[in-house]
Amino acid sequence: MLHKLFENDPWFAPKRYGYGAGLPIAWQGWALLAAYLAIIVGIALPGTGGTLGARTASFVGVLLVTGVFMVIAARHTRGGWKWRWGGD
């Protein structure tokens, strides 16, 4: 089962217009999106009412998790990430 995470199969459809990934098209994409959202909520909620240090740590954590998510999503988007005008 773990080998499915390292294959280059597409997990996300490309956006029809613009740059980036669209909705997930495989269970791995949905699992990645759900994990990303859960981690973001888990990082952001404790930092909302805390000190400046806690808020800064939450912000940095969100940036790091988002960066990792974007790299994985880009690697597993059908056709890769490129600008699309609707006819691709």
C-alpha atoms as a PDB file:
ATOM      1  CA  MET A   1       0.000   0.000   0.000  1.00  0.00           C
ATOM      2  CA  LEU A   2       2.836   2.389   0.809  1.00  0.00           C
ATOM      3  CA  HIS A   3       4.288   1.933  -2.691  1.00  0.00           C
ATOM      4  CA  LYS A   4       1.230   3.760  -4.089  1.00  0.00           C
ATOM      5  CA  LEU A   5       2.534   6.966  -2.512  1.00  0.00           C
ATOM      6  CA  PHE A   6       5.767   6.799  -4.503  1.00  0.00           C
ATOM      7  CA  GLU A   7       4.305   6.106  -7.947  1.00  0.00           C
ATOM      8  CA  ASN A   8       3.914   8.934 -10.443  1.00  0.00           C
ATOM      9  CA  ASP A   9       0.222   8.319 -11.099  1.00  0.00           C
ATOM     10  CA  PRO A  10      -1.882  11.498 -11.206  1.00  0.00           C
ATOM     11  CA  TRP A  11      -3.809  12.279  -8.042  1.00  0.00           C
ATOM     12  CA  PHE A  12      -5.094  15.675  -9.159  1.00  0.00           C
ATOM     13  CA  ALA A  13      -6.692  16.970 -12.338  1.00  0.00           C
ATOM     14  CA  PRO A  14      -5.134  20.100 -13.791  1.00  0.00           C
ATOM     15  CA  LYS A  15      -7.046  23.345 -13.561  1.00  0.00           C
ATOM     16  CA  ARG A  16      -8.803  24.193 -16.799  1.00  0.00           C
ATOM     17  CA  TYR A  17      -7.873  27.870 -16.556  1.00  0.00           C
ATOM     18  CA  GLY A  18      -4.861  29.222 -14.729  1.00  0.00           C
ATOM     19  CA  TYR A  19      -1.967  27.591 -12.948  1.00  0.00           C
ATOM     20  CA  GLY A  20      -1.963  24.664 -10.548  1.00  0.00           C
ATOM     21  CA  ALA A  21      -4.007  21.636  -9.613  1.00  0.00           C
ATOM     22  CA  GLY A  22      -7.748  21.191  -9.558  1.00  0.00           C
ATOM     23  CA  LEU A  23      -9.740  18.682  -7.554  1.00  0.00           C
ATOM     24  CA  PRO A  24      -8.369  15.255  -6.621  1.00  0.00           C
ATOM     25  CA  ILE A  25      -9.105  12.417  -9.048  1.00  0.00           C
ATOM     26  CA  ALA A  26      -7.706   9.542  -6.961  1.00  0.00           C
ATOM     27  CA  TRP A  27      -8.110   8.421  -3.381  1.00  0.00           C
ATOM     28  CA  GLN A  28      -4.508   9.426  -2.671  1.00  0.00           C
ATOM     29  CA  GLY A  29      -5.317  13.009  -3.641  1.00  0.00           C
ATOM     30  CA  TRP A  30      -8.367  13.084  -1.395  1.00  0.00           C
ATOM     31  CA  ALA A  31      -6.335  11.589   1.466  1.00  0.00           C
ATOM     32  CA  LEU A  32      -3.585  14.171   0.964  1.00  0.00           C
ATOM     33  CA  LEU A  33      -6.110  17.019   0.893  1.00  0.00           C
ATOM     34  CA  ALA A  34      -7.870  15.747   4.040  1.00  0.00           C
ATOM     35  CA  ALA A  35      -4.556  15.346   5.874  1.00  0.00           C
ATOM     36  CA  TYR A  36      -3.454  18.819   4.785  1.00  0.00           C
ATOM     37  CA  LEU A  37      -6.666  20.420   6.041  1.00  0.00           C
ATOM     38  CA  ALA A  38      -6.522  18.524   9.343  1.00  0.00           C
ATOM     39  CA  ILE A  39      -2.900  19.563   9.911  1.00  0.00           C
ATOM     40  CA  ILE A  40      -3.657  23.195   9.046  1.00  0.00           C
ATOM     41  CA  VAL A  41      -6.564  23.287  11.502  1.00  0.00           C
ATOM     42  CA  GLY A  42      -4.421  21.551  14.128  1.00  0.00           C
ATOM     43  CA  ILE A  43      -1.650  24.107  13.694  1.00  0.00           C
ATOM     44  CA  ALA A  44      -3.784  27.224  13.323  1.00  0.00           C
ATOM     45  CA  LEU A  45      -6.309  26.794  16.147  1.00  0.00           C
ATOM     46  CA  PRO A  46      -3.845  26.715  19.064  1.00  0.00           C
ATOM     47  CA  GLY A  47      -2.028  29.764  17.707  1.00  0.00           C
ATOM     48  CA  THR A  48      -5.055  32.029  17.367  1.00  0.00           C
ATOM     49  CA  GLY A  49      -5.247  33.239  20.954  1.00  0.00           C
ATOM     50  CA  GLY A  50      -1.661  32.807  22.020  1.00  0.00           C
ATOM     51  CA  THR A  51       1.324  35.046  22.314  1.00  0.00           C
ATOM     52  CA  LEU A  52       3.154  36.582  19.400  1.00  0.00           C
ATOM     53  CA  GLY A  53       5.602  33.673  19.467  1.00  0.00           C
ATOM     54  CA  ALA A  54       2.791  31.119  19.254  1.00  0.00           C
ATOM     55  CA  ARG A  55       1.151  32.965  16.376  1.00  0.00           C
ATOM     56  CA  THR A  56       4.468  33.243  14.555  1.00  0.00           C
ATOM     57  CA  ALA A  57       5.148  29.538  15.046  1.00  0.00           C
ATOM     58  CA  SER A  58       1.660  28.725  13.742  1.00  0.00           C
ATOM     59  CA  PHE A  59       2.204  30.925  10.698  1.00  0.00           C
ATOM     60  CA  VAL A  60       5.563  29.317   9.930  1.00  0.00           C
ATOM     61  CA  GLY A  61       4.045  25.858  10.416  1.00  0.00           C
ATOM     62  CA  VAL A  62       1.217  26.652   7.998  1.00  0.00           C
ATOM     63  CA  LEU A  63       3.733  27.918   5.426  1.00  0.00           C
ATOM     64  CA  LEU A  64       5.856  24.770   5.723  1.00  0.00           C
ATOM     65  CA  VAL A  65       2.908  22.374   5.488  1.00  0.00           C
ATOM     66  CA  THR A  66       1.488  24.320   2.536  1.00  0.00           C
ATOM     67  CA  GLY A  67       4.843  24.177   0.756  1.00  0.00           C
ATOM     68  CA  VAL A  68       5.071  20.411   1.206  1.00  0.00           C
ATOM     69  CA  PHE A  69       1.469  20.005   0.032  1.00  0.00           C
ATOM     70  CA  MET A  70       2.133  22.094  -3.081  1.00  0.00           C
ATOM     71  CA  VAL A  71       5.256  20.112  -4.012  1.00  0.00           C
ATOM     72  CA  ILE A  72       3.425  16.790  -3.681  1.00  0.00           C
ATOM     73  CA  ALA A  73       0.349  18.086  -5.536  1.00  0.00           C
ATOM     74  CA  ALA A  74       2.491  19.462  -8.364  1.00  0.00           C
ATOM     75  CA  ARG A  75       4.305  16.152  -8.712  1.00  0.00           C
ATOM     76  CA  HIS A  76       1.016  14.254  -8.903  1.00  0.00           C
ATOM     77  CA  THR A  77      -1.013  16.542 -11.175  1.00  0.00           C
ATOM     78  CA  ARG A  78      -1.827  15.116 -14.586  1.00  0.00           C
ATOM     79  CA  GLY A  79       0.323  17.048 -17.072  1.00  0.00           C
ATOM     80  CA  GLY A  80       2.140  18.971 -14.340  1.00  0.00           C
ATOM     81  CA  TRP A  81       1.600  22.565 -13.335  1.00  0.00           C
ATOM     82  CA  LYS A  82       1.568  25.045 -16.178  1.00  0.00           C
ATOM     83  CA  TRP A  83      -0.595  27.931 -17.289  1.00  0.00           C
ATOM     84  CA  ARG A  84      -3.724  26.725 -19.064  1.00  0.00           C
ATOM     85  CA  TRP A  85      -6.122  28.737 -21.195  1.00  0.00           C
ATOM     86  CA  GLY A  86      -9.005  26.252 -21.230  1.00  0.00           C
ATOM     87  CA  GLY A  87      -8.138  24.321 -24.366  1.00  0.00           C
ATOM     88  CA  ASP A  88      -5.528  21.951 -22.935  1.00  0.00           C
END
